[in-house]
Amino acid sequence: MTNLQTILDNVRTVAHNYNLKYRLEFLYENDIGARIRLALVLSHNESNYHRTLVEGRGFSQDMQSILEEELVIELTKKHNAWTASYEQTVKPTISKPGQLATQRIIGEINQALKA
């Protein structure tokens, strides 16, 4: 079975391929899971995004106003297999329905869990 670090690396690669910001939020003890935030940030908001993180306001209303989309992924190991649950925490403001950047990658992440 693939270890957690490999899974995290795979998810980071998928996020990078879609120009999404990858933020590891939490690791469970004994490498049994993790929580990751993937966000779509438009280029004109890049500096605001990084400044908000440095200021420690990554979960504030300030951050939500900077993001176009955000998806929280909860990874867990169950019975020698990795599973993921997904929660769209910031809905898109400019994307068209059905073409959400964060939604398009779910299938790829699910495949990455099996790698």
C-alpha atoms as a PDB file:
ATOM      1  CA  MET A   1       0.000   0.000   0.000  1.00  0.00           C
ATOM      2  CA  THR A   2       1.205   3.489  -0.850  1.00  0.00           C
ATOM      3  CA  ASN A   3       2.382   5.565   2.097  1.00  0.00           C
ATOM      4  CA  LEU A   4       0.865   8.911   3.063  1.00  0.00           C
ATOM      5  CA  GLN A   5       3.793  11.012   1.810  1.00  0.00           C
ATOM      6  CA  THR A   6       3.466   9.519  -1.675  1.00  0.00           C
ATOM      7  CA  ILE A   7      -0.280  10.236  -1.652  1.00  0.00           C
ATOM      8  CA  LEU A   8       0.360  13.838  -0.569  1.00  0.00           C
ATOM      9  CA  ASP A   9       2.966  14.239  -3.314  1.00  0.00           C
ATOM     10  CA  ASN A  10       0.520  12.853  -5.877  1.00  0.00           C
ATOM     11  CA  VAL A  11      -2.240  15.243  -4.772  1.00  0.00           C
ATOM     12  CA  ARG A  12       0.219  18.164  -4.852  1.00  0.00           C
ATOM     13  CA  THR A  13       1.167  17.238  -8.432  1.00  0.00           C
ATOM     14  CA  VAL A  14      -2.481  17.119  -9.513  1.00  0.00           C
ATOM     15  CA  ALA A  15      -3.085  20.509  -7.881  1.00  0.00           C
ATOM     16  CA  HIS A  16      -0.016  21.971  -9.590  1.00  0.00           C
ATOM     17  CA  ASN A  17      -1.227  20.671 -12.967  1.00  0.00           C
ATOM     18  CA  TYR A  18      -4.441  22.676 -12.489  1.00  0.00           C
ATOM     19  CA  ASN A  19      -2.707  25.785 -11.088  1.00  0.00           C
ATOM     20  CA  LEU A  20      -4.330  25.294  -7.699  1.00  0.00           C
ATOM     21  CA  LYS A  21      -2.734  26.320  -4.406  1.00  0.00           C
ATOM     22  CA  TYR A  22      -1.966  23.321  -2.200  1.00  0.00           C
ATOM     23  CA  ARG A  23      -2.064  23.800   1.563  1.00  0.00           C
ATOM     24  CA  LEU A  24      -1.481  20.890   3.927  1.00  0.00           C
ATOM     25  CA  GLU A  25      -3.657  21.762   6.897  1.00  0.00           C
ATOM     26  CA  PHE A  26      -3.399  18.778   9.201  1.00  0.00           C
ATOM     27  CA  LEU A  27      -1.689  15.385   9.518  1.00  0.00           C
ATOM     28  CA  TYR A  28      -3.182  12.612  11.634  1.00  0.00           C
ATOM     29  CA  GLU A  29      -0.941  10.653  13.989  1.00  0.00           C
ATOM     30  CA  ASN A  30       0.642   7.495  12.678  1.00  0.00           C
ATOM     31  CA  ASP A  31       0.204   8.659   9.062  1.00  0.00           C
ATOM     32  CA  ILE A  32      -3.409   7.503   8.877  1.00  0.00           C
ATOM     33  CA  GLY A  33      -4.653  10.620   7.109  1.00  0.00           C
ATOM     34  CA  ALA A  34      -4.437  14.296   6.319  1.00  0.00           C
ATOM     35  CA  ARG A  35      -6.535  17.338   5.470  1.00  0.00           C
ATOM     36  CA  ILE A  36      -5.584  19.459   2.469  1.00  0.00           C
ATOM     37  CA  ARG A  37      -6.975  22.685   1.049  1.00  0.00           C
ATOM     38  CA  LEU A  38      -6.791  23.292  -2.692  1.00  0.00           C
ATOM     39  CA  ALA A  39      -7.624  26.781  -3.879  1.00  0.00           C
ATOM     40  CA  LEU A  40      -7.981  28.605  -7.147  1.00  0.00           C
ATOM     41  CA  VAL A  41      -6.400  32.045  -6.828  1.00  0.00           C
ATOM     42  CA  LEU A  42      -6.395  34.421  -9.772  1.00  0.00           C
ATOM     43  CA  SER A  43      -3.056  35.984 -10.649  1.00  0.00           C
ATOM     44  CA  HIS A  44      -4.078  39.473  -9.513  1.00  0.00           C
ATOM     45  CA  ASN A  45      -4.782  38.044  -6.028  1.00  0.00           C
ATOM     46  CA  GLU A  46      -1.514  36.077  -5.636  1.00  0.00           C
ATOM     47  CA  SER A  47       0.190  38.659  -3.418  1.00  0.00           C
ATOM     48  CA  ASN A  48      -2.935  39.073  -1.260  1.00  0.00           C
ATOM     49  CA  TYR A  49      -3.148  35.290  -0.874  1.00  0.00           C
ATOM     50  CA  HIS A  50       0.446  34.942   0.315  1.00  0.00           C
ATOM     51  CA  ARG A  51       0.214  37.983   2.581  1.00  0.00           C
ATOM     52  CA  THR A  52      -2.961  36.637   4.206  1.00  0.00           C
ATOM     53  CA  LEU A  53      -1.254  33.288   4.885  1.00  0.00           C
ATOM     54  CA  VAL A  54       1.835  34.952   6.355  1.00  0.00           C
ATOM     55  CA  GLU A  55      -0.362  37.072   8.609  1.00  0.00           C
ATOM     56  CA  GLY A  56      -1.988  33.888   9.926  1.00  0.00           C
ATOM     57  CA  ARG A  57      -5.414  34.708   8.569  1.00  0.00           C
ATOM     58  CA  GLY A  58      -5.729  31.682   6.302  1.00  0.00           C
ATOM     59  CA  PHE A  59      -9.215  30.840   7.530  1.00  0.00           C
ATOM     60  CA  SER A  60     -10.627  34.339   7.730  1.00  0.00           C
ATOM     61  CA  GLN A  61     -13.175  36.183   5.644  1.00  0.00           C
ATOM     62  CA  ASP A  62     -10.199  38.003   4.136  1.00  0.00           C
ATOM     63  CA  MET A  63      -8.977  34.726   2.672  1.00  0.00           C
ATOM     64  CA  GLN A  64     -12.375  33.728   1.382  1.00  0.00           C
ATOM     65  CA  SER A  65     -12.693  37.014  -0.486  1.00  0.00           C
ATOM     66  CA  ILE A  66      -9.370  36.301  -2.265  1.00  0.00           C
ATOM     67  CA  LEU A  67     -10.213  32.761  -3.402  1.00  0.00           C
ATOM     68  CA  GLU A  68     -12.200  31.910  -6.496  1.00  0.00           C
ATOM     69  CA  GLU A  69     -12.728  28.340  -5.312  1.00  0.00           C
ATOM     70  CA  GLU A  70     -11.579  26.134  -2.482  1.00  0.00           C
ATOM     71  CA  LEU A  71     -11.872  22.397  -1.925  1.00  0.00           C
ATOM     72  CA  VAL A  72     -11.036  20.661   1.354  1.00  0.00           C
ATOM     73  CA  ILE A  73      -9.889  17.062   1.000  1.00  0.00           C
ATOM     74  CA  GLU A  74      -9.889  14.691   3.954  1.00  0.00           C
ATOM     75  CA  LEU A  75      -7.632  11.698   3.290  1.00  0.00           C
ATOM     76  CA  THR A  76      -7.949   8.610   5.472  1.00  0.00           C
ATOM     77  CA  LYS A  77      -6.547   5.098   5.430  1.00  0.00           C
ATOM     78  CA  LYS A  78      -9.187   2.420   5.889  1.00  0.00           C
ATOM     79  CA  HIS A  79      -8.568  -1.311   5.588  1.00  0.00           C
ATOM     80  CA  ASN A  80      -5.319  -0.955   3.640  1.00  0.00           C
ATOM     81  CA  ALA A  81      -6.815   1.524   1.156  1.00  0.00           C
ATOM     82  CA  TRP A  82      -6.861   5.324   0.941  1.00  0.00           C
ATOM     83  CA  THR A  83     -10.147   7.170   0.697  1.00  0.00           C
ATOM     84  CA  ALA A  84     -10.964  10.837   0.276  1.00  0.00           C
ATOM     85  CA  SER A  85     -13.929  13.004   1.143  1.00  0.00           C
ATOM     86  CA  TYR A  86     -14.400  16.394  -0.483  1.00  0.00           C
ATOM     87  CA  GLU A  87     -16.044  19.607   0.644  1.00  0.00           C
ATOM     88  CA  GLN A  88     -16.370  22.690  -1.546  1.00  0.00           C
ATOM     89  CA  THR A  89     -15.786  25.469   1.016  1.00  0.00           C
ATOM     90  CA  VAL A  90     -15.611  28.402  -1.388  1.00  0.00           C
ATOM     91  CA  LYS A  91     -17.949  28.328  -4.354  1.00  0.00           C
ATOM     92  CA  PRO A  92     -16.673  29.724  -7.650  1.00  0.00           C
ATOM     93  CA  THR A  93     -17.276  33.357  -8.420  1.00  0.00           C
ATOM     94  CA  ILE A  94     -16.239  33.405 -12.083  1.00  0.00           C
ATOM     95  CA  SER A  95     -16.207  29.774 -13.243  1.00  0.00           C
ATOM     96  CA  LYS A  96     -19.120  28.365 -15.153  1.00  0.00           C
ATOM     97  CA  PRO A  97     -21.193  25.648 -13.462  1.00  0.00           C
ATOM     98  CA  GLY A  98     -19.904  22.198 -14.350  1.00  0.00           C
ATOM     99  CA  GLN A  99     -16.436  23.515 -15.102  1.00  0.00           C
ATOM    100  CA  LEU A 100     -15.157  24.095 -11.588  1.00  0.00           C
ATOM    101  CA  ALA A 101     -11.387  23.723 -11.417  1.00  0.00           C
ATOM    102  CA  THR A 102     -11.606  21.992  -8.058  1.00  0.00           C
ATOM    103  CA  GLN A 103     -14.348  19.620  -9.200  1.00  0.00           C
ATOM    104  CA  ARG A 104     -12.508  18.535 -12.371  1.00  0.00           C
ATOM    105  CA  ILE A 105      -9.616  17.156 -10.345  1.00  0.00           C
ATOM    106  CA  ILE A 106     -11.558  14.847  -8.022  1.00  0.00           C
ATOM    107  CA  GLY A 107     -11.326  11.914 -10.436  1.00  0.00           C
ATOM    108  CA  GLU A 108      -7.578  12.420 -10.794  1.00  0.00           C
ATOM    109  CA  ILE A 109      -7.117  12.584  -7.040  1.00  0.00           C
ATOM    110  CA  ASN A 110      -9.141   9.408  -6.593  1.00  0.00           C
ATOM    111  CA  GLN A 111      -6.804   7.736  -9.098  1.00  0.00           C
ATOM    112  CA  ALA A 112      -3.777   9.108  -7.242  1.00  0.00           C
ATOM    113  CA  LEU A 113      -5.007   7.370  -4.075  1.00  0.00           C
ATOM    114  CA  LYS A 114      -4.693   4.026  -5.845  1.00  0.00           C
ATOM    115  CA  ALA A 115      -1.176   4.676  -7.188  1.00  0.00           C
END
